[in-house]
Amino acid sequence: MFYTYILRNISHPDQRYIGSTADLKSRLAKHNAGEVPHTSKFKPWKVEAYFAFETKEKAAAFEAYLKTV
């Protein structure tokens, strides 16, 4: 499974991040450890929503769509 996810910053709720991954739990840990440049200055993060897809391509396409709305 591949996931498209929306993160919301706990201390700055107006900050959100949209991404995709094959391992959501590990990816969230990386965001909260400051290992992702786009999210490192707004820690900690929580998963607001996630969507599961059978292919990486479908997850990436949905991520791209979410970033346009």
N, C-alpha and C. Protein backbone atom coordinates (compact mmCIF):
# COMPACT_ATOMS: atom_id res chain seq x y z
N MET A 1 0.84 -1.19 0.00
CA MET A 1 0.00 0.00 0.00
C MET A 1 0.88 1.25 0.00
N PHE A 2 0.33 2.29 -0.60
CA PHE A 2 0.97 3.60 -0.63
C PHE A 2 -0.04 4.61 -0.10
N TYR A 3 0.47 5.62 0.58
CA TYR A 3 -0.40 6.55 1.27
C TYR A 3 -0.13 7.99 0.85
N THR A 4 -1.19 8.74 0.69
CA THR A 4 -1.13 10.19 0.59
C THR A 4 -1.64 10.69 1.93
N TYR A 5 -0.94 11.65 2.51
CA TYR A 5 -1.30 12.07 3.87
C TYR A 5 -1.30 13.58 4.00
N ILE A 6 -2.06 14.04 4.96
CA ILE A 6 -2.12 15.45 5.32
C ILE A 6 -1.69 15.55 6.76
N LEU A 7 -0.66 16.34 7.01
CA LEU A 7 -0.20 16.58 8.37
C LEU A 7 -0.66 17.97 8.80
N ARG A 8 -0.94 18.10 10.08
CA ARG A 8 -1.28 19.40 10.67
C ARG A 8 -0.30 19.62 11.82
N ASN A 9 0.22 20.82 11.90
CA ASN A 9 1.17 21.13 12.97
C ASN A 9 0.41 21.33 14.27
N ILE A 10 0.92 20.74 15.33
CA ILE A 10 0.23 20.79 16.62
C ILE A 10 0.31 22.18 17.24
N SER A 11 1.47 22.81 17.21
CA SER A 11 1.62 24.12 17.84
C SER A 11 1.28 25.29 16.93
N HIS A 12 1.23 25.05 15.62
CA HIS A 12 0.84 26.08 14.64
C HIS A 12 -0.22 25.46 13.72
N PRO A 13 -1.47 25.36 14.16
CA PRO A 13 -2.50 24.62 13.41
C PRO A 13 -2.78 25.15 12.00
N ASP A 14 -2.32 26.36 11.71
CA ASP A 14 -2.51 26.88 10.35
C ASP A 14 -1.51 26.28 9.36
N GLN A 15 -0.49 25.60 9.87
CA GLN A 15 0.52 24.96 9.01
C GLN A 15 0.11 23.53 8.70
N ARG A 16 0.16 23.18 7.40
CA ARG A 16 -0.13 21.80 7.01
C ARG A 16 0.87 21.36 5.97
N TYR A 17 0.96 20.07 5.80
CA TYR A 17 1.88 19.49 4.82
C TYR A 17 1.18 18.31 4.17
N ILE A 18 1.34 18.19 2.87
CA ILE A 18 0.77 17.08 2.11
C ILE A 18 1.91 16.29 1.49
N GLY A 19 1.88 14.97 1.64
CA GLY A 19 2.93 14.13 1.08
C GLY A 19 2.42 12.74 0.78
N SER A 20 3.32 11.88 0.31
CA SER A 20 2.96 10.48 0.06
C SER A 20 4.14 9.60 0.45
N THR A 21 3.82 8.35 0.81
CA THR A 21 4.84 7.43 1.31
C THR A 21 4.31 6.01 1.29
N ALA A 22 5.21 5.06 1.42
CA ALA A 22 4.82 3.67 1.57
C ALA A 22 4.77 3.26 3.05
N ASP A 23 5.37 4.09 3.93
CA ASP A 23 5.42 3.77 5.36
C ASP A 23 5.04 5.02 6.16
N LEU A 24 3.78 5.17 6.42
CA LEU A 24 3.27 6.38 7.05
C LEU A 24 3.83 6.59 8.46
N LYS A 25 3.90 5.55 9.25
CA LYS A 25 4.40 5.66 10.62
C LYS A 25 5.84 6.15 10.65
N SER A 26 6.67 5.58 9.80
CA SER A 26 8.08 5.98 9.72
C SER A 26 8.22 7.40 9.19
N ARG A 27 7.41 7.74 8.21
CA ARG A 27 7.49 9.08 7.62
C ARG A 27 7.09 10.15 8.64
N LEU A 28 6.05 9.89 9.43
CA LEU A 28 5.65 10.84 10.47
C LEU A 28 6.79 11.01 11.48
N ALA A 29 7.44 9.94 11.85
CA ALA A 29 8.57 10.02 12.78
C ALA A 29 9.68 10.89 12.20
N LYS A 30 9.94 10.78 10.90
CA LYS A 30 10.97 11.61 10.26
C LYS A 30 10.57 13.08 10.28
N HIS A 31 9.30 13.38 10.01
CA HIS A 31 8.83 14.76 10.08
C HIS A 31 9.04 15.31 11.50
N ASN A 32 8.69 14.54 12.50
CA ASN A 32 8.79 15.02 13.88
C ASN A 32 10.21 15.03 14.40
N ALA A 33 11.12 14.32 13.76
CA ALA A 33 12.54 14.34 14.14
C ALA A 33 13.30 15.47 13.43
N GLY A 34 12.62 16.20 12.56
CA GLY A 34 13.27 17.30 11.85
C GLY A 34 14.08 16.86 10.65
N GLU A 35 13.85 15.66 10.14
CA GLU A 35 14.63 15.13 9.03
C GLU A 35 14.07 15.49 7.65
N VAL A 36 12.95 16.20 7.62
CA VAL A 36 12.34 16.61 6.35
C VAL A 36 12.45 18.13 6.27
N PRO A 37 13.23 18.66 5.31
CA PRO A 37 13.48 20.10 5.27
C PRO A 37 12.22 20.97 5.27
N HIS A 38 11.18 20.58 4.55
CA HIS A 38 9.98 21.41 4.47
C HIS A 38 9.19 21.49 5.76
N THR A 39 9.39 20.55 6.67
CA THR A 39 8.60 20.54 7.90
C THR A 39 9.44 20.70 9.16
N SER A 40 10.75 20.82 9.02
CA SER A 40 11.63 20.80 10.20
C SER A 40 11.43 21.99 11.13
N LYS A 41 11.01 23.14 10.63
CA LYS A 41 10.88 24.30 11.52
C LYS A 41 9.53 24.39 12.22
N PHE A 42 8.59 23.54 11.86
CA PHE A 42 7.26 23.56 12.48
C PHE A 42 6.93 22.22 13.13
N LYS A 43 7.75 21.76 14.06
CA LYS A 43 7.48 20.50 14.75
C LYS A 43 6.65 20.79 15.99
N PRO A 44 5.88 19.88 16.51
CA PRO A 44 5.57 18.53 16.04
C PRO A 44 4.35 18.50 15.12
N TRP A 45 4.22 17.39 14.40
CA TRP A 45 3.15 17.18 13.43
C TRP A 45 2.26 16.02 13.87
N LYS A 46 1.01 16.06 13.42
CA LYS A 46 0.10 14.93 13.62
C LYS A 46 -0.58 14.63 12.29
N VAL A 47 -0.97 13.40 12.09
CA VAL A 47 -1.69 13.03 10.87
C VAL A 47 -3.12 13.49 11.00
N GLU A 48 -3.54 14.33 10.07
CA GLU A 48 -4.91 14.81 10.05
C GLU A 48 -5.79 13.86 9.23
N ALA A 49 -5.24 13.35 8.12
CA ALA A 49 -5.96 12.41 7.26
C ALA A 49 -4.96 11.65 6.41
N TYR A 50 -5.35 10.44 6.01
CA TYR A 50 -4.52 9.70 5.06
C TYR A 50 -5.42 8.86 4.17
N PHE A 51 -4.91 8.57 2.99
CA PHE A 51 -5.65 7.85 1.96
C PHE A 51 -4.75 6.75 1.42
N ALA A 52 -5.27 5.53 1.32
CA ALA A 52 -4.48 4.39 0.88
C ALA A 52 -4.74 4.08 -0.59
N PHE A 53 -3.67 3.76 -1.32
CA PHE A 53 -3.74 3.43 -2.74
C PHE A 53 -2.93 2.17 -3.01
N GLU A 54 -3.32 1.46 -4.04
CA GLU A 54 -2.60 0.23 -4.40
C GLU A 54 -1.29 0.49 -5.10
N THR A 55 -1.15 1.64 -5.74
CA THR A 55 0.08 1.93 -6.47
C THR A 55 0.68 3.27 -6.04
N LYS A 56 1.98 3.37 -6.19
CA LYS A 56 2.70 4.60 -5.89
C LYS A 56 2.23 5.73 -6.81
N GLU A 57 1.96 5.38 -8.06
CA GLU A 57 1.53 6.38 -9.04
C GLU A 57 0.19 7.01 -8.65
N LYS A 58 -0.74 6.20 -8.16
CA LYS A 58 -2.04 6.74 -7.75
C LYS A 58 -1.89 7.63 -6.53
N ALA A 59 -1.04 7.24 -5.59
CA ALA A 59 -0.80 8.06 -4.40
C ALA A 59 -0.17 9.39 -4.80
N ALA A 60 0.79 9.36 -5.70
CA ALA A 60 1.47 10.58 -6.16
C ALA A 60 0.50 11.49 -6.92
N ALA A 61 -0.36 10.91 -7.73
CA ALA A 61 -1.35 11.70 -8.48
C ALA A 61 -2.32 12.38 -7.53
N PHE A 62 -2.75 11.68 -6.49
CA PHE A 62 -3.67 12.28 -5.53
C PHE A 62 -2.97 13.36 -4.72
N GLU A 63 -1.71 13.13 -4.38
CA GLU A 63 -0.93 14.17 -3.68
C GLU A 63 -0.87 15.43 -4.53
N ALA A 64 -0.55 15.28 -5.81
CA ALA A 64 -0.48 16.42 -6.72
C ALA A 64 -1.83 17.15 -6.80
N TYR A 65 -2.90 16.37 -6.85
CA TYR A 65 -4.24 16.98 -6.89
C TYR A 65 -4.50 17.78 -5.61
N LEU A 66 -4.21 17.22 -4.45
CA LEU A 66 -4.46 17.93 -3.20
C LEU A 66 -3.67 19.22 -3.10
N LYS A 67 -2.50 19.25 -3.69
CA LYS A 67 -1.68 20.45 -3.64
C LYS A 67 -2.21 21.56 -4.55
N THR A 68 -3.18 21.23 -5.39
CA THR A 68 -3.75 22.26 -6.26
C THR A 68 -5.06 22.83 -5.72
N VAL A 69 -5.66 22.17 -4.73
CA VAL A 69 -6.94 22.67 -4.21
C VAL A 69 -6.77 23.41 -2.91
